Amino acid sequence: MSQPAYLDLYKAGRFQDRVNKALDLMAACRICPRKCGVNRLNGATGYCRTGRQARVASYNAHFGEEAPLVGRNGSGTIFFSSCNLLCSFCQNYEISHLNEGVEVRPEQIAGMMLQLMERGCHNINLVTPTHVAPQILEALEIAIARGLAVPVVYNSGGYESVETLNLLDGIVDIYMPDFKFWESAWAERFCHAPDYPDVARAAIREMHRQVGDLEINEEGIAVRGLLVRHLVMPDNIAGTEAVMNFLAGEISPDTYVNVMDQYRPCGQAGREPVINRRLTAREYREAVAAAKNAGLHRLDQRELPRIIFGF
C-alpha cells in the first residue's frame, strides 16, 4: 500500500519551508487569482473575507462523494467557510456567501484530521480550501507529526493560482477541482471571474503534472491522482463539450470525470431566468455523450438512472 506523498517531504525536513512560503503569500495576499493584496497576517480580509485564521463550518465522515473517495468508511471532509469564487448559484450558499462557521487555529484543524482518520475515513477531504491553503499547511504539519497517514484530497472550485499549487506539490495526493465554465462571459456573470476559464485550464494542467491520472487500489479506493468535477448547467452554460474535449485532448483521455447532474437553483439563482430551473433529462444525456465522444471513459454517472427516468 502506497503512503501519502506528504510523508516524504516531512521526513526530509522540507515541510516547514512550504508553510513559511505560503504564509508569505498572505502578507500582501496572492494566495488565489483574485490577488487582493491585503495583509491577512494582520487580520485584514479581501474577497474571501478570511483573515489570519481559517473558519470551519463542519467536519465529518461523508458518504455522498465519488465512490473511490467514499469506500466503506467515508471520506473525511472538512468544510471551510467562505470561498474565493462565490458562485451566485452555490448549493452551500450559507457556508460560502454567509460565511457560517467558527474560527479555528491550526491545532484544531489538525485535531479534526486525526479524528477523521481514527474513525476510519479513507482520506482527508479539504472542501473549499483555496483561500486557506497556508492555514491547511500549518495544520498538516502538526497532524503529520501526530501520526496522520491517509491521503489528502484538495476539493476546490478550480480557481487556483499555480504559484500556490506549486507549494502543494508533494503534499496533496488527490486533486478534485471543478471545471465550471468554458466561456468567460458566464464566469463573469455568475462568479465575477472572467479569467476563470484560463485560470482553471492552467490549474488543472498543473494538478495533473503533479499527481497524474487517478490511481485506485485493489479495494477500490483512490490513493493519488486527478479527479475532475463538471456541473452540467441549463442551456449548456457550462460549455460541457468544450470542457470534455480539453480534458481528453490536453490533460488525458484517462481523466476520471464526474459529470454531475445535481444542478438546482440555489443561492441567488432565482434572480437569473437562464439558470432558474433544473436540468432536463435530455441535457444530461447530451453532456454524458459529449464526454464519451471526446474520448473520456472513466466517468462517474451514478445519478444517470434517476434523472432520466425521474422526469
Protein backbone atom coordinates (compact mmCIF):
# COMPACT_ATOMS: atom_id res chain seq x y z
CA MET A 1 0.00 0.00 0.00
CA SER A 2 1.46 3.37 -1.04
CA GLN A 3 1.98 6.03 1.61
CA PRO A 4 0.71 9.61 1.32
CA ALA A 5 3.01 11.93 -0.60
CA TYR A 6 3.49 14.37 2.27
CA LEU A 7 5.35 11.89 4.47
CA ASP A 8 8.49 12.02 2.33
CA LEU A 9 8.51 15.82 2.36
CA TYR A 10 8.01 15.87 6.12
CA LYS A 11 10.70 13.29 6.83
CA ALA A 12 13.14 15.24 4.65
CA GLY A 13 12.60 18.31 6.85
CA ARG A 14 11.21 20.40 4.00
CA PHE A 15 7.63 20.84 5.14
CA GLN A 16 8.23 23.94 7.27
CA ASP A 17 9.69 25.75 4.27
CA ARG A 18 6.43 25.23 2.38
CA VAL A 19 4.46 26.57 5.34
CA ASN A 20 6.64 29.68 5.54
CA LYS A 21 6.37 30.37 1.81
CA ALA A 22 2.60 30.01 1.91
CA LEU A 23 2.32 32.39 4.86
CA ASP A 24 4.49 34.90 2.99
CA LEU A 25 1.87 34.94 0.22
CA MET A 26 -0.67 36.20 2.78
CA ALA A 27 1.29 39.35 3.67
CA ALA A 28 0.04 41.06 0.52
CA CYS A 29 -2.34 38.29 -0.36
CA ARG A 30 -1.88 36.50 -3.65
CA ILE A 31 -2.97 33.05 -2.48
CA CYS A 32 -5.58 32.92 -5.25
CA PRO A 33 -6.05 34.61 -8.65
CA ARG A 34 -8.01 37.47 -7.04
CA LYS A 35 -4.67 38.82 -5.67
CA CYS A 36 -6.43 41.17 -3.27
CA GLY A 37 -3.11 42.37 -1.83
CA VAL A 38 -4.35 42.74 1.75
CA ASN A 39 -2.21 41.74 4.73
CA ARG A 40 -4.11 38.76 6.03
CA LEU A 41 -1.36 38.01 8.53
CA ASN A 42 -2.53 41.12 10.38
CA GLY A 43 -6.17 40.07 10.12
CA ALA A 44 -7.17 42.10 7.06
CA THR A 45 -9.67 40.47 4.73
CA GLY A 46 -10.15 40.57 0.98
CA TYR A 47 -12.60 38.88 -1.39
CA CYS A 48 -12.71 35.69 0.68
CA ARG A 49 -13.43 37.60 3.91
CA THR A 50 -10.93 35.43 5.77
CA GLY A 51 -8.06 36.84 7.77
CA ARG A 52 -5.25 35.11 9.64
CA GLN A 53 -7.30 32.16 10.87
CA ALA A 54 -9.41 29.77 8.82
CA ARG A 55 -13.07 29.16 9.58
CA VAL A 56 -14.66 25.70 9.54
CA ALA A 57 -18.37 25.05 9.03
CA SER A 58 -18.30 21.31 9.78
CA TYR A 59 -16.28 18.13 9.57
CA ASN A 60 -17.49 14.56 9.28
CA ALA A 61 -17.30 11.23 7.52
CA HIS A 62 -19.05 11.97 4.25
CA PHE A 63 -20.70 9.27 2.11
CA GLY A 64 -22.01 11.46 -0.72
CA GLU A 65 -18.72 11.90 -2.56
CA GLU A 66 -17.45 9.90 -5.53
CA ALA A 67 -17.21 6.15 -4.92
CA PRO A 68 -13.37 5.96 -4.99
CA LEU A 69 -13.24 8.51 -2.17
CA VAL A 70 -16.03 7.08 -0.02
CA GLY A 71 -15.23 3.37 0.09
CA ARG A 72 -16.67 1.64 3.13
CA ASN A 73 -15.86 4.19 5.84
CA GLY A 74 -16.44 7.51 4.12
CA SER A 75 -14.40 10.49 3.05
CA GLY A 76 -13.16 12.62 5.94
CA THR A 77 -14.46 16.02 4.88
CA ILE A 78 -13.59 19.38 6.44
CA PHE A 79 -15.84 22.13 5.09
CA PHE A 80 -14.11 25.51 5.17
CA SER A 81 -16.23 28.64 5.39
CA SER A 82 -16.31 31.29 2.67
CA CYS A 83 -14.76 30.92 -0.78
CA ASN A 84 -12.60 32.76 -3.29
CA LEU A 85 -15.09 32.22 -6.12
CA LEU A 86 -18.55 32.83 -4.64
CA CYS A 87 -20.74 31.47 -7.43
CA SER A 88 -24.16 33.10 -7.28
CA PHE A 89 -25.87 29.68 -7.57
CA CYS A 90 -23.82 27.93 -4.85
CA GLN A 91 -25.54 24.97 -3.21
CA ASN A 92 -23.63 25.68 0.01
CA TYR A 93 -24.65 29.34 -0.01
CA GLU A 94 -24.85 29.69 3.78
CA ILE A 95 -21.29 28.44 4.17
CA SER A 96 -19.71 30.17 1.18
CA HIS A 97 -21.53 33.50 0.98
CA LEU A 98 -22.80 33.93 4.53
CA ASN A 99 -19.54 32.61 6.00
CA GLU A 100 -21.22 30.31 8.50
CA GLY A 101 -18.70 28.53 10.70
CA VAL A 102 -16.26 29.14 13.53
CA GLU A 103 -12.72 30.46 13.52
CA VAL A 104 -10.20 27.72 14.24
CA ARG A 105 -6.48 27.52 14.92
CA PRO A 106 -4.17 25.14 13.03
CA GLU A 107 -4.03 22.86 16.08
CA GLN A 108 -7.80 22.46 15.96
CA ILE A 109 -7.79 21.64 12.24
CA ALA A 110 -5.06 19.07 12.88
CA GLY A 111 -7.25 17.54 15.57
CA MET A 112 -10.14 17.24 13.11
CA MET A 113 -7.89 15.48 10.61
CA LEU A 114 -6.71 12.98 13.19
CA GLN A 115 -10.24 12.31 14.46
CA LEU A 116 -11.43 11.59 10.93
CA MET A 117 -8.53 9.21 10.33
CA GLU A 118 -9.21 7.44 13.63
CA ARG A 119 -12.84 6.96 12.56
CA GLY A 120 -11.56 5.00 9.58
CA CYS A 121 -12.06 7.62 6.85
CA HIS A 122 -10.06 6.80 3.75
CA ASN A 123 -8.79 10.34 3.22
CA ILE A 124 -8.87 13.91 4.48
CA ASN A 125 -11.11 15.81 2.06
CA LEU A 126 -10.49 19.58 2.22
CA VAL A 127 -13.61 21.26 0.84
CA THR A 128 -13.17 24.83 -0.48
CA PRO A 129 -9.52 25.00 0.63
CA THR A 130 -8.13 27.56 -1.83
CA HIS A 131 -8.25 30.70 0.31
CA VAL A 132 -6.93 28.90 3.40
CA ALA A 133 -4.12 26.86 1.85
CA PRO A 134 -1.49 28.31 4.23
CA GLN A 135 -3.58 27.51 7.31
CA ILE A 136 -4.11 24.00 5.98
CA LEU A 137 -0.37 23.52 5.57
CA GLU A 138 0.15 24.69 9.15
CA ALA A 139 -2.41 22.16 10.34
CA LEU A 140 -0.99 19.34 8.23
CA GLU A 141 2.47 19.80 9.70
CA ILE A 142 1.02 19.35 13.18
CA ALA A 143 -1.16 16.40 12.17
CA ILE A 144 1.67 14.57 10.40
CA ALA A 145 3.84 14.89 13.50
CA ARG A 146 1.00 13.24 15.43
CA GLY A 147 0.58 10.34 13.02
CA LEU A 148 -1.60 11.44 10.10
CA ALA A 149 -1.15 8.86 7.34
CA VAL A 150 -4.08 8.98 4.90
CA PRO A 151 -4.26 10.75 1.52
CA VAL A 152 -5.15 14.44 1.34
CA VAL A 153 -7.86 15.49 -1.13
CA TYR A 154 -7.88 19.09 -2.37
CA ASN A 155 -11.54 19.67 -3.28
CA SER A 156 -11.76 23.06 -4.97
CA GLY A 157 -13.68 25.22 -7.40
CA GLY A 158 -10.77 25.20 -9.84
CA TYR A 159 -9.96 28.91 -9.41
CA GLU A 160 -6.37 28.37 -8.33
CA SER A 161 -3.05 30.17 -8.53
CA VAL A 162 -0.31 27.98 -10.00
CA GLU A 163 2.10 29.71 -7.59
CA THR A 164 0.12 28.36 -4.64
CA LEU A 165 -0.34 24.96 -6.26
CA ASN A 166 3.45 24.67 -6.55
CA LEU A 167 3.63 24.86 -2.76
CA LEU A 168 1.25 21.89 -2.56
CA ASP A 169 3.37 19.71 -4.85
CA GLY A 170 4.35 16.58 -2.95
CA ILE A 171 1.72 17.29 -0.26
CA VAL A 172 -1.67 16.86 -1.94
CA ASP A 173 -2.35 13.29 -3.06
CA ILE A 174 -5.66 13.78 -4.87
CA TYR A 175 -6.77 16.95 -6.61
CA MET A 176 -10.52 17.26 -7.17
CA PRO A 177 -11.21 20.56 -8.95
CA ASP A 178 -14.38 21.73 -10.61
CA PHE A 179 -14.27 22.93 -14.18
CA LYS A 180 -17.30 25.19 -14.07
CA PHE A 181 -17.33 27.35 -17.20
CA TRP A 182 -15.66 27.29 -20.59
CA GLU A 183 -16.73 30.82 -21.57
CA SER A 184 -15.55 33.87 -19.68
CA ALA A 185 -18.86 35.73 -20.10
CA TRP A 186 -20.71 33.22 -17.93
CA ALA A 187 -17.89 33.11 -15.38
CA GLU A 188 -18.07 36.89 -15.12
CA ARG A 189 -21.85 36.89 -14.82
CA PHE A 190 -22.13 34.23 -12.13
CA CYS A 191 -18.74 34.39 -10.34
CA HIS A 192 -17.31 37.84 -11.17
CA ALA A 193 -14.27 36.00 -12.51
CA PRO A 194 -13.92 36.50 -16.29
CA ASP A 195 -10.48 34.85 -16.16
CA TYR A 196 -11.92 31.65 -14.71
CA PRO A 197 -11.65 29.51 -17.88
CA ASP A 198 -7.98 30.37 -18.44
CA VAL A 199 -7.15 30.01 -14.76
CA ALA A 200 -8.92 26.65 -14.47
CA ARG A 201 -7.15 25.25 -17.51
CA ALA A 202 -3.75 26.27 -16.15
CA ALA A 203 -4.60 24.94 -12.70
CA ILE A 204 -5.80 21.56 -13.96
CA ARG A 205 -2.67 21.19 -16.10
CA GLU A 206 -0.53 21.83 -13.02
CA MET A 207 -2.55 19.45 -10.86
CA HIS A 208 -2.20 16.69 -13.43
CA ARG A 209 1.53 17.36 -13.74
CA GLN A 210 1.87 16.81 -10.01
CA VAL A 211 -0.28 13.73 -9.46
CA GLY A 212 -1.21 12.23 -12.85
CA ASP A 213 -4.36 10.24 -13.60
CA LEU A 214 -6.42 8.90 -10.74
CA GLU A 215 -4.97 5.74 -9.19
CA ILE A 216 -7.37 3.34 -7.45
CA ASN A 217 -6.12 0.50 -5.27
CA GLU A 218 -7.32 -3.09 -5.15
CA GLU A 219 -10.00 -2.13 -2.63
CA GLY A 220 -11.47 0.46 -5.00
CA ILE A 221 -10.12 3.43 -3.03
CA ALA A 222 -8.43 6.38 -4.71
CA VAL A 223 -4.88 6.91 -3.45
CA ARG A 224 -3.45 9.52 -5.83
CA GLY A 225 -4.28 11.50 -8.94
CA LEU A 226 -6.70 13.92 -10.56
CA LEU A 227 -10.49 13.72 -10.41
CA VAL A 228 -12.41 16.48 -12.22
CA ARG A 229 -15.96 17.51 -11.47
CA HIS A 230 -18.14 19.22 -14.06
CA LEU A 231 -21.57 20.51 -13.11
CA VAL A 232 -23.87 20.36 -16.13
CA MET A 233 -25.97 23.54 -16.29
CA PRO A 234 -29.14 24.55 -18.13
CA ASP A 235 -28.81 25.58 -21.78
CA ASN A 236 -25.19 24.37 -21.87
CA ILE A 237 -24.00 27.41 -19.94
CA ALA A 238 -21.07 25.38 -18.59
CA GLY A 239 -19.78 24.61 -22.11
CA THR A 240 -19.66 20.88 -21.48
CA GLU A 241 -18.47 19.73 -24.90
CA ALA A 242 -15.50 22.11 -24.91
CA VAL A 243 -14.58 21.17 -21.33
CA MET A 244 -14.61 17.47 -22.16
CA ASN A 245 -12.55 17.98 -25.31
CA PHE A 246 -9.98 19.89 -23.27
CA LEU A 247 -9.75 17.19 -20.60
CA ALA A 248 -9.42 14.37 -23.13
CA GLY A 249 -7.13 16.19 -25.54
CA GLU A 250 -4.92 18.34 -23.31
CA ILE A 251 -4.93 16.54 -19.97
CA SER A 252 -5.52 12.81 -20.55
CA PRO A 253 -8.20 10.54 -22.04
CA ASP A 254 -7.83 8.61 -18.77
CA THR A 255 -9.00 11.58 -16.71
CA TYR A 256 -11.61 10.50 -14.15
CA VAL A 257 -14.57 12.86 -14.59
CA ASN A 258 -17.75 13.22 -12.59
CA VAL A 259 -20.38 14.55 -14.99
CA MET A 260 -22.72 15.97 -12.38
CA ASP A 261 -26.48 16.25 -12.75
CA GLN A 262 -27.05 17.91 -9.36
CA TYR A 263 -27.67 21.45 -10.56
CA ARG A 264 -30.68 23.10 -8.99
CA PRO A 265 -31.43 26.80 -8.46
CA CYS A 266 -29.82 27.81 -5.16
CA GLY A 267 -28.49 30.98 -3.62
CA GLN A 268 -29.24 33.87 -5.95
CA ALA A 269 -30.06 31.74 -8.99
CA GLY A 270 -33.71 32.77 -8.78
CA ARG A 271 -32.69 36.22 -10.00
CA GLU A 272 -31.35 34.77 -13.25
CA PRO A 273 -34.04 33.31 -15.54
CA VAL A 274 -31.45 31.44 -17.61
CA ILE A 275 -30.43 29.27 -14.63
CA ASN A 276 -33.62 29.33 -12.60
CA ARG A 277 -34.55 25.74 -13.41
CA ARG A 278 -33.21 22.21 -13.09
CA LEU A 279 -31.70 20.18 -15.89
CA THR A 280 -33.75 18.15 -18.29
CA ALA A 281 -33.00 14.50 -18.90
CA ARG A 282 -32.01 15.35 -22.46
CA GLU A 283 -29.46 17.95 -21.34
CA TYR A 284 -27.78 15.45 -19.07
CA ARG A 285 -27.74 12.70 -21.69
CA GLU A 286 -26.12 15.11 -24.13
CA ALA A 287 -23.48 16.02 -21.55
CA VAL A 288 -22.57 12.38 -20.95
CA ALA A 289 -22.47 11.78 -24.70
CA ALA A 290 -20.12 14.76 -25.09
CA ALA A 291 -17.74 13.24 -22.58
CA LYS A 292 -17.76 9.87 -24.31
CA ASN A 293 -17.41 11.43 -27.76
CA ALA A 294 -14.36 13.33 -26.55
CA GLY A 295 -12.75 10.00 -25.68
CA LEU A 296 -13.20 10.06 -21.91
CA HIS A 297 -14.08 6.66 -20.49
CA ARG A 298 -13.68 6.99 -16.70
CA LEU A 299 -17.00 8.66 -15.97
CA ASP A 300 -18.88 8.84 -12.70
CA GLN A 301 -22.57 8.62 -13.69
CA ARG A 302 -24.23 7.29 -10.57
CA GLU A 303 -27.18 9.68 -10.90
CA LEU A 304 -27.97 8.86 -14.53
CA PRO A 305 -30.94 6.48 -13.96
CA ARG A 306 -32.68 8.90 -11.60
CA ILE A 307 -32.51 11.91 -13.84
CA ILE A 308 -33.51 10.06 -17.00
CA PHE A 309 -36.49 8.32 -15.51
CA GLY A 310 -37.45 10.95 -12.94
CA PHE A 311 -38.94 13.48 -15.32
